[in-house]
Amino acid sequence: MARLVGDAAMYSFIVDVVVHPDHQGAGLGRRMVDALVNWSNTHGIRTTLLIASSDVVPFYEPLGFTSDPSSFMKYAPDAPTASDSTK
């Protein structure tokens, strides 16, 4: 399973890339990601993003993805913030 979400104009975001362990190593993940990237490219999407845990980064790098830790931000309303530690 794999999904593509986004605004259909400037960006798309690959999420939920999952291959059952019994079928890993057969190229299914690669084919799903390739299909999603191709769809984005065909539809003129400028940027395709994804979030990958460190253990799967080596899977995505040969597919053309690069790490860019400076561009990801998270909103978690119940999480403490940096300003909470100075109070």
PDB file of N, CA and C in Angstrom:
ATOM      1  N   MET A   1       0.847  -1.169   0.000  1.00  0.00           N
ATOM      2  CA  MET A   1       0.000   0.000   0.000  1.00  0.00           C
ATOM      3  C   MET A   1       0.895   1.235   0.000  1.00  0.00           C
ATOM      4  N   ALA A   2       0.457   2.245  -0.709  1.00  0.00           N
ATOM      5  CA  ALA A   2       1.130   3.537  -0.708  1.00  0.00           C
ATOM      6  C   ALA A   2       0.122   4.577  -1.174  1.00  0.00           C
ATOM      7  N   ARG A   3       0.235   5.772  -0.601  1.00  0.00           N
ATOM      8  CA  ARG A   3      -0.703   6.844  -0.963  1.00  0.00           C
ATOM      9  C   ARG A   3       0.066   8.106  -1.309  1.00  0.00           C
ATOM     10  N   LEU A   4      -0.593   8.928  -2.112  1.00  0.00           N
ATOM     11  CA  LEU A   4      -0.053  10.227  -2.491  1.00  0.00           C
ATOM     12  C   LEU A   4      -1.080  11.279  -2.099  1.00  0.00           C
ATOM     13  N   VAL A   5      -0.655  12.251  -1.302  1.00  0.00           N
ATOM     14  CA  VAL A   5      -1.533  13.355  -0.917  1.00  0.00           C
ATOM     15  C   VAL A   5      -0.848  14.659  -1.284  1.00  0.00           C
ATOM     16  N   GLY A   6      -1.641  15.701  -1.437  1.00  0.00           N
ATOM     17  CA  GLY A   6      -1.052  16.993  -1.765  1.00  0.00           C
ATOM     18  C   GLY A   6      -2.077  17.932  -2.340  1.00  0.00           C
ATOM     19  N   ASP A   7      -1.597  18.999  -2.927  1.00  0.00           N
ATOM     20  CA  ASP A   7      -2.499  20.025  -3.453  1.00  0.00           C
ATOM     21  C   ASP A   7      -2.700  19.921  -4.970  1.00  0.00           C
ATOM     22  N   ALA A   8      -2.113  18.919  -5.597  1.00  0.00           N
ATOM     23  CA  ALA A   8      -2.240  18.682  -7.038  1.00  0.00           C
ATOM     24  C   ALA A   8      -1.708  19.834  -7.892  1.00  0.00           C
ATOM     25  N   ALA A   9      -0.856  20.650  -7.323  1.00  0.00           N
ATOM     26  CA  ALA A   9      -0.283  21.757  -8.084  1.00  0.00           C
ATOM     27  C   ALA A   9       1.204  21.934  -7.778  1.00  0.00           C
ATOM     28  N   MET A  10       1.535  22.141  -6.510  1.00  0.00           N
ATOM     29  CA  MET A  10       2.914  22.443  -6.150  1.00  0.00           C
ATOM     30  C   MET A  10       3.644  21.282  -5.473  1.00  0.00           C
ATOM     31  N   TYR A  11       2.939  20.468  -4.699  1.00  0.00           N
ATOM     32  CA  TYR A  11       3.635  19.412  -3.980  1.00  0.00           C
ATOM     33  C   TYR A  11       2.761  18.168  -3.861  1.00  0.00           C
ATOM     34  N   SER A  12       3.418  17.053  -3.693  1.00  0.00           N
ATOM     35  CA  SER A  12       2.747  15.817  -3.327  1.00  0.00           C
ATOM     36  C   SER A  12       3.573  15.181  -2.216  1.00  0.00           C
ATOM     37  N   PHE A  13       2.922  14.376  -1.428  1.00  0.00           N
ATOM     38  CA  PHE A  13       3.536  13.787  -0.253  1.00  0.00           C
ATOM     39  C   PHE A  13       3.243  12.297  -0.278  1.00  0.00           C
ATOM     40  N   ILE A  14       4.288  11.489  -0.341  1.00  0.00           N
ATOM     41  CA  ILE A  14       4.117  10.036  -0.328  1.00  0.00           C
ATOM     42  C   ILE A  14       3.992   9.591   1.120  1.00  0.00           C
ATOM     43  N   VAL A  15       2.924   8.873   1.413  1.00  0.00           N
ATOM     44  CA  VAL A  15       2.685   8.389   2.776  1.00  0.00           C
ATOM     45  C   VAL A  15       2.275   6.916   2.730  1.00  0.00           C
ATOM     46  N   ASP A  16       2.420   6.278   3.865  1.00  0.00           N
ATOM     47  CA  ASP A  16       1.926   4.910   4.077  1.00  0.00           C
ATOM     48  C   ASP A  16       2.464   3.900   3.074  1.00  0.00           C
ATOM     49  N   VAL A  17       3.759   3.962   2.797  1.00  0.00           N
ATOM     50  CA  VAL A  17       4.361   2.935   1.948  1.00  0.00           C
ATOM     51  C   VAL A  17       4.607   1.715   2.830  1.00  0.00           C
ATOM     52  N   VAL A  18       3.846   0.673   2.573  1.00  0.00           N
ATOM     53  CA  VAL A  18       3.911  -0.527   3.412  1.00  0.00           C
ATOM     54  C   VAL A  18       3.890  -1.764   2.519  1.00  0.00           C
ATOM     55  N   VAL A  19       4.831  -2.645   2.762  1.00  0.00           N
ATOM     56  CA  VAL A  19       4.854  -3.937   2.082  1.00  0.00           C
ATOM     57  C   VAL A  19       4.911  -5.007   3.162  1.00  0.00           C
ATOM     58  N   HIS A  20       4.014  -5.964   3.084  1.00  0.00           N
ATOM     59  CA  HIS A  20       3.992  -7.058   4.062  1.00  0.00           C
ATOM     60  C   HIS A  20       5.359  -7.739   4.074  1.00  0.00           C
ATOM     61  N   PRO A  21       5.860  -8.088   5.257  1.00  0.00           N
ATOM     62  CA  PRO A  21       7.192  -8.714   5.345  1.00  0.00           C
ATOM     63  C   PRO A  21       7.373  -9.934   4.443  1.00  0.00           C
ATOM     64  N   ASP A  22       6.324 -10.700   4.225  1.00  0.00           N
ATOM     65  CA  ASP A  22       6.437 -11.881   3.359  1.00  0.00           C
ATOM     66  C   ASP A  22       6.727 -11.507   1.910  1.00  0.00           C
ATOM     67  N   HIS A  23       6.479 -10.251   1.525  1.00  0.00           N
ATOM     68  CA  HIS A  23       6.658  -9.825   0.141  1.00  0.00           C
ATOM     69  C   HIS A  23       7.760  -8.778  -0.033  1.00  0.00           C
ATOM     70  N   GLN A  24       8.443  -8.425   1.046  1.00  0.00           N
ATOM     71  CA  GLN A  24       9.529  -7.458   0.940  1.00  0.00           C
ATOM     72  C   GLN A  24      10.686  -8.069   0.154  1.00  0.00           C
ATOM     73  N   GLY A  25      11.382  -7.221  -0.572  1.00  0.00           N
ATOM     74  CA  GLY A  25      12.514  -7.669  -1.378  1.00  0.00           C
ATOM     75  C   GLY A  25      12.135  -8.088  -2.784  1.00  0.00           C
ATOM     76  N   ALA A  26      10.851  -7.996  -3.114  1.00  0.00           N
ATOM     77  CA  ALA A  26      10.390  -8.400  -4.446  1.00  0.00           C
ATOM     78  C   ALA A  26      10.206  -7.201  -5.375  1.00  0.00           C
ATOM     79  N   GLY A  27      10.540  -6.004  -4.905  1.00  0.00           N
ATOM     80  CA  GLY A  27      10.426  -4.816  -5.735  1.00  0.00           C
ATOM     81  C   GLY A  27       9.074  -4.126  -5.674  1.00  0.00           C
ATOM     82  N   LEU A  28       8.176  -4.577  -4.806  1.00  0.00           N
ATOM     83  CA  LEU A  28       6.853  -3.968  -4.726  1.00  0.00           C
ATOM     84  C   LEU A  28       6.910  -2.529  -4.228  1.00  0.00           C
ATOM     85  N   GLY A  29       7.688  -2.275  -3.184  1.00  0.00           N
ATOM     86  CA  GLY A  29       7.819  -0.918  -2.649  1.00  0.00           C
ATOM     87  C   GLY A  29       8.380   0.032  -3.689  1.00  0.00           C
ATOM     88  N   ARG A  30       9.396  -0.414  -4.392  1.00  0.00           N
ATOM     89  CA  ARG A  30      10.013   0.404  -5.447  1.00  0.00           C
ATOM     90  C   ARG A  30       8.985   0.721  -6.528  1.00  0.00           C
ATOM     91  N   ARG A  31       8.213  -0.259  -6.955  1.00  0.00           N
ATOM     92  CA  ARG A  31       7.220  -0.034  -8.008  1.00  0.00           C
ATOM     93  C   ARG A  31       6.136   0.938  -7.547  1.00  0.00           C
ATOM     94  N   MET A  32       5.715   0.817  -6.295  1.00  0.00           N
ATOM     95  CA  MET A  32       4.689   1.742  -5.797  1.00  0.00           C
ATOM     96  C   MET A  32       5.218   3.166  -5.748  1.00  0.00           C
ATOM     97  N   VAL A  33       6.434   3.351  -5.206  1.00  0.00           N
ATOM     98  CA  VAL A  33       7.017   4.692  -5.121  1.00  0.00           C
ATOM     99  C   VAL A  33       7.257   5.248  -6.525  1.00  0.00           C
ATOM    100  N   ASP A  34       7.787   4.425  -7.419  1.00  0.00           N
ATOM    101  CA  ASP A  34       8.002   4.877  -8.801  1.00  0.00           C
ATOM    102  C   ASP A  34       6.691   5.330  -9.440  1.00  0.00           C
ATOM    103  N   ALA A  35       5.618   4.578  -9.225  1.00  0.00           N
ATOM    104  CA  ALA A  35       4.328   4.934  -9.809  1.00  0.00           C
ATOM    105  C   ALA A  35       3.827   6.265  -9.259  1.00  0.00           C
ATOM    106  N   LEU A  36       3.996   6.491  -7.968  1.00  0.00           N
ATOM    107  CA  LEU A  36       3.542   7.748  -7.367  1.00  0.00           C
ATOM    108  C   LEU A  36       4.381   8.930  -7.845  1.00  0.00           C
ATOM    109  N   VAL A  37       5.689   8.746  -7.922  1.00  0.00           N
ATOM    110  CA  VAL A  37       6.566   9.814  -8.424  1.00  0.00           C
ATOM    111  C   VAL A  37       6.240  10.104  -9.887  1.00  0.00           C
ATOM    112  N   ASN A  38       6.021   9.067 -10.677  1.00  0.00           N
ATOM    113  CA  ASN A  38       5.674   9.269 -12.091  1.00  0.00           C
ATOM    114  C   ASN A  38       4.354  10.015 -12.226  1.00  0.00           C
ATOM    115  N   TRP A  39       3.368   9.693 -11.393  1.00  0.00           N
ATOM    116  CA  TRP A  39       2.098  10.404 -11.438  1.00  0.00           C
ATOM    117  C   TRP A  39       2.321  11.885 -11.141  1.00  0.00           C
ATOM    118  N   SER A  40       3.102  12.159 -10.112  1.00  0.00           N
ATOM    119  CA  SER A  40       3.399  13.551  -9.766  1.00  0.00           C
ATOM    120  C   SER A  40       4.068  14.276 -10.923  1.00  0.00           C
ATOM    121  N   ASN A  41       5.066  13.641 -11.502  1.00  0.00           N
ATOM    122  CA  ASN A  41       5.784  14.261 -12.623  1.00  0.00           C
ATOM    123  C   ASN A  41       4.869  14.486 -13.816  1.00  0.00           C
ATOM    124  N   THR A  42       4.048  13.515 -14.132  1.00  0.00           N
ATOM    125  CA  THR A  42       3.125  13.616 -15.262  1.00  0.00           C
ATOM    126  C   THR A  42       2.124  14.744 -15.075  1.00  0.00           C
ATOM    127  N   HIS A  43       1.764  15.007 -13.828  1.00  0.00           N
ATOM    128  CA  HIS A  43       0.769  16.040 -13.543  1.00  0.00           C
ATOM    129  C   HIS A  43       1.394  17.390 -13.171  1.00  0.00           C
ATOM    130  N   GLY A  44       2.688  17.529 -13.411  1.00  0.00           N
ATOM    131  CA  GLY A  44       3.348  18.813 -13.217  1.00  0.00           C
ATOM    132  C   GLY A  44       3.592  19.203 -11.771  1.00  0.00           C
ATOM    133  N   ILE A  45       3.546  18.241 -10.870  1.00  0.00           N
ATOM    134  CA  ILE A  45       3.828  18.540  -9.465  1.00  0.00           C
ATOM    135  C   ILE A  45       5.307  18.879  -9.336  1.00  0.00           C
ATOM    136  N   ARG A  46       5.609  19.996  -8.692  1.00  0.00           N
ATOM    137  CA  ARG A  46       6.995  20.486  -8.607  1.00  0.00           C
ATOM    138  C   ARG A  46       7.857  19.711  -7.619  1.00  0.00           C
ATOM    139  N   THR A  47       7.267  19.271  -6.513  1.00  0.00           N
ATOM    140  CA  THR A  47       8.051  18.640  -5.454  1.00  0.00           C
ATOM    141  C   THR A  47       7.294  17.440  -4.904  1.00  0.00           C
ATOM    142  N   THR A  48       7.994  16.326  -4.761  1.00  0.00           N
ATOM    143  CA  THR A  48       7.420  15.147  -4.106  1.00  0.00           C
ATOM    144  C   THR A  48       8.223  14.894  -2.836  1.00  0.00           C
ATOM    145  N   LEU A  49       7.524  14.833  -1.731  1.00  0.00           N
ATOM    146  CA  LEU A  49       8.140  14.692  -0.416  1.00  0.00           C
ATOM    147  C   LEU A  49       7.746  13.372   0.225  1.00  0.00           C
ATOM    148  N   LEU A  50       8.511  12.955   1.202  1.00  0.00           N
ATOM    149  CA  LEU A  50       8.130  11.854   2.073  1.00  0.00           C
ATOM    150  C   LEU A  50       8.918  11.951   3.357  1.00  0.00           C
ATOM    151  N   ILE A  51       8.421  11.285   4.371  1.00  0.00           N
ATOM    152  CA  ILE A  51       9.148  11.190   5.634  1.00  0.00           C
ATOM    153  C   ILE A  51       9.562   9.741   5.793  1.00  0.00           C
ATOM    154  N   ALA A  52      10.830   9.522   6.068  1.00  0.00           N
ATOM    155  CA  ALA A  52      11.331   8.159   6.213  1.00  0.00           C
ATOM    156  C   ALA A  52      12.099   8.034   7.519  1.00  0.00           C
ATOM    157  N   SER A  53      11.822   6.983   8.257  1.00  0.00           N
ATOM    158  CA  SER A  53      12.627   6.723   9.446  1.00  0.00           C
ATOM    159  C   SER A  53      14.033   6.342   8.985  1.00  0.00           C
ATOM    160  N   SER A  54      14.996   6.518   9.872  1.00  0.00           N
ATOM    161  CA  SER A  54      16.400   6.333   9.484  1.00  0.00           C
ATOM    162  C   SER A  54      16.690   4.930   8.950  1.00  0.00           C
ATOM    163  N   ASP A  55      15.937   3.935   9.395  1.00  0.00           N
ATOM    164  CA  ASP A  55      16.218   2.571   8.935  1.00  0.00           C
ATOM    165  C   ASP A  55      15.785   2.314   7.492  1.00  0.00           C
ATOM    166  N   VAL A  56      14.924   3.175   6.920  1.00  0.00           N
ATOM    167  CA  VAL A  56      14.504   2.961   5.532  1.00  0.00           C
ATOM    168  C   VAL A  56      15.041   4.028   4.571  1.00  0.00           C
ATOM    169  N   VAL A  57      15.821   4.973   5.081  1.00  0.00           N
ATOM    170  CA  VAL A  57      16.441   5.973   4.204  1.00  0.00           C
ATOM    171  C   VAL A  57      17.228   5.301   3.083  1.00  0.00           C
ATOM    172  N   PRO A  58      17.992   4.235   3.361  1.00  0.00           N
ATOM    173  CA  PRO A  58      18.730   3.581   2.266  1.00  0.00           C
ATOM    174  C   PRO A  58      17.823   3.013   1.164  1.00  0.00           C
ATOM    175  N   PHE A  59      16.581   2.710   1.480  1.00  0.00           N
ATOM    176  CA  PHE A  59      15.636   2.256   0.451  1.00  0.00           C
ATOM    177  C   PHE A  59      15.280   3.395  -0.493  1.00  0.00           C
ATOM    178  N   TYR A  60      15.054   4.586   0.048  1.00  0.00           N
ATOM    179  CA  TYR A  60      14.579   5.709  -0.759  1.00  0.00           C
ATOM    180  C   TYR A  60      15.687   6.435  -1.515  1.00  0.00           C
ATOM    181  N   GLU A  61      16.907   6.407  -1.019  1.00  0.00           N
ATOM    182  CA  GLU A  61      17.992   7.138  -1.686  1.00  0.00           C
ATOM    183  C   GLU A  61      18.214   6.691  -3.130  1.00  0.00           C
ATOM    184  N   PRO A  62      18.251   5.397  -3.439  1.00  0.00           N
ATOM    185  CA  PRO A  62      18.433   5.000  -4.845  1.00  0.00           C
ATOM    186  C   PRO A  62      17.246   5.382  -5.741  1.00  0.00           C
ATOM    187  N   LEU A  63      16.120   5.733  -5.126  1.00  0.00           N
ATOM    188  CA  LEU A  63      14.952   6.154  -5.888  1.00  0.00           C
ATOM    189  C   LEU A  63      14.982   7.658  -6.184  1.00  0.00           C
ATOM    190  N   GLY A  64      16.057   8.333  -5.739  1.00  0.00           N
ATOM    191  CA  GLY A  64      16.228   9.750  -6.047  1.00  0.00           C
ATOM    192  C   GLY A  64      15.895  10.694  -4.910  1.00  0.00           C
ATOM    193  N   PHE A  65      15.521  10.171  -3.748  1.00  0.00           N
ATOM    194  CA  PHE A  65      15.197  11.034  -2.612  1.00  0.00           C
ATOM    195  C   PHE A  65      16.458  11.351  -1.825  1.00  0.00           C
ATOM    196  N   THR A  66      16.519  12.571  -1.302  1.00  0.00           N
ATOM    197  CA  THR A  66      17.640  12.996  -0.474  1.00  0.00           C
ATOM    198  C   THR A  66      17.110  13.485   0.862  1.00  0.00           C
ATOM    199  N   SER A  67      17.925  13.383   1.882  1.00  0.00           N
ATOM    200  CA  SER A  67      17.542  13.857   3.210  1.00  0.00           C
ATOM    201  C   SER A  67      17.652  15.368   3.271  1.00  0.00           C
ATOM    202  N   ASP A  68      16.665  15.986   3.891  1.00  0.00           N
ATOM    203  CA  ASP A  68      16.652  17.430   4.064  1.00  0.00           C
ATOM    204  C   ASP A  68      16.029  17.737   5.424  1.00  0.00           C
ATOM    205  N   PRO A  69      16.788  17.523   6.488  1.00  0.00           N
ATOM    206  CA  PRO A  69      16.207  17.677   7.826  1.00  0.00           C
ATOM    207  C   PRO A  69      15.801  19.105   8.176  1.00  0.00           C
ATOM    208  N   SER A  70      16.255  20.064   7.427  1.00  0.00           N
ATOM    209  CA  SER A  70      15.953  21.451   7.773  1.00  0.00           C
ATOM    210  C   SER A  70      14.553  21.884   7.363  1.00  0.00           C
ATOM    211  N   SER A  71      13.854  21.098   6.543  1.00  0.00           N
ATOM    212  CA  SER A  71      12.576  21.576   6.022  1.00  0.00           C
ATOM    213  C   SER A  71      11.354  20.948   6.681  1.00  0.00           C
ATOM    214  N   PHE A  72      11.529  20.054   7.608  1.00  0.00           N
ATOM    215  CA  PHE A  72      10.392  19.380   8.216  1.00  0.00           C
ATOM    216  C   PHE A  72      10.064  20.006   9.561  1.00  0.00           C
ATOM    217  N   MET A  73       8.817  20.336   9.741  1.00  0.00           N
ATOM    218  CA  MET A  73       8.356  20.888  11.012  1.00  0.00           C
ATOM    219  C   MET A  73       7.143  20.098  11.463  1.00  0.00           C
ATOM    220  N   LYS A  74       6.896  20.091  12.745  1.00  0.00           N
ATOM    221  CA  LYS A  74       5.807  19.308  13.321  1.00  0.00           C
ATOM    222  C   LYS A  74       4.997  20.180  14.260  1.00  0.00           C
ATOM    223  N   TYR A  75       3.680  20.049  14.200  1.00  0.00           N
ATOM    224  CA  TYR A  75       2.805  20.732  15.132  1.00  0.00           C
ATOM    225  C   TYR A  75       2.172  19.684  16.036  1.00  0.00           C
ATOM    226  N   ALA A  76       2.425  19.792  17.309  1.00  0.00           N
ATOM    227  CA  ALA A  76       1.848  18.891  18.298  1.00  0.00           C
ATOM    228  C   ALA A  76       1.352  19.757  19.444  1.00  0.00           C
ATOM    229  N   PRO A  77       0.059  20.087  19.471  1.00  0.00           N
ATOM    230  CA  PRO A  77      -0.457  21.078  20.419  1.00  0.00           C
ATOM    231  C   PRO A  77      -0.256  20.716  21.884  1.00  0.00           C
ATOM    232  N   ASP A  78      -0.130  19.445  22.212  1.00  0.00           N
ATOM    233  CA  ASP A  78       0.032  19.054  23.610  1.00  0.00           C
ATOM    234  C   ASP A  78       1.489  18.829  24.010  1.00  0.00           C
ATOM    235  N   ALA A  79       2.391  18.981  23.063  1.00  0.00           N
ATOM    236  CA  ALA A  79       3.805  18.762  23.360  1.00  0.00           C
ATOM    237  C   ALA A  79       4.420  20.019  23.956  1.00  0.00           C
ATOM    238  N   PRO A  80       5.356  19.853  24.898  1.00  0.00           N
ATOM    239  CA  PRO A  80       6.040  21.031  25.441  1.00  0.00           C
ATOM    240  C   PRO A  80       6.873  21.716  24.359  1.00  0.00           C
ATOM    241  N   THR A  81       7.000  23.023  24.456  1.00  0.00           N
ATOM    242  CA  THR A  81       7.790  23.783  23.493  1.00  0.00           C
ATOM    243  C   THR A  81       9.079  24.258  24.151  1.00  0.00           C
ATOM    244  N   ALA A  82       9.975  24.790  23.354  1.00  0.00           N
ATOM    245  CA  ALA A  82      11.239  25.297  23.883  1.00  0.00           C
ATOM    246  C   ALA A  82      10.987  26.420  24.891  1.00  0.00           C
ATOM    247  N   SER A  83       9.972  27.232  24.647  1.00  0.00           N
ATOM    248  CA  SER A  83       9.698  28.337  25.561  1.00  0.00           C
ATOM    249  C   SER A  83       9.180  27.848  26.914  1.00  0.00           C
ATOM    250  N   ASP A  84       8.598  26.630  26.949  1.00  0.00           N
ATOM    251  CA  ASP A  84       8.129  26.067  28.223  1.00  0.00           C
ATOM    252  C   ASP A  84       9.291  25.792  29.158  1.00  0.00           C
ATOM    253  N   SER A  85      10.457  25.463  28.620  1.00  0.00           N
ATOM    254  CA  SER A  85      11.597  25.114  29.460  1.00  0.00           C
ATOM    255  C   SER A  85      12.238  26.343  30.098  1.00  0.00           C
ATOM    256  N   THR A  86      11.914  27.535  29.613  1.00  0.00           N
ATOM    257  CA  THR A  86      12.498  28.761  30.176  1.00  0.00           C
ATOM    258  C   THR A  86      11.590  29.398  31.220  1.00  0.00           C
ATOM    259  N   LYS A  87      10.429  28.811  31.457  1.00  0.00           N
ATOM    260  CA  LYS A  87       9.488  29.383  32.436  1.00  0.00           C
ATOM    261  C   LYS A  87       9.765  28.898  33.827  1.00  0.00           C
TER     262      LYS A  87
END
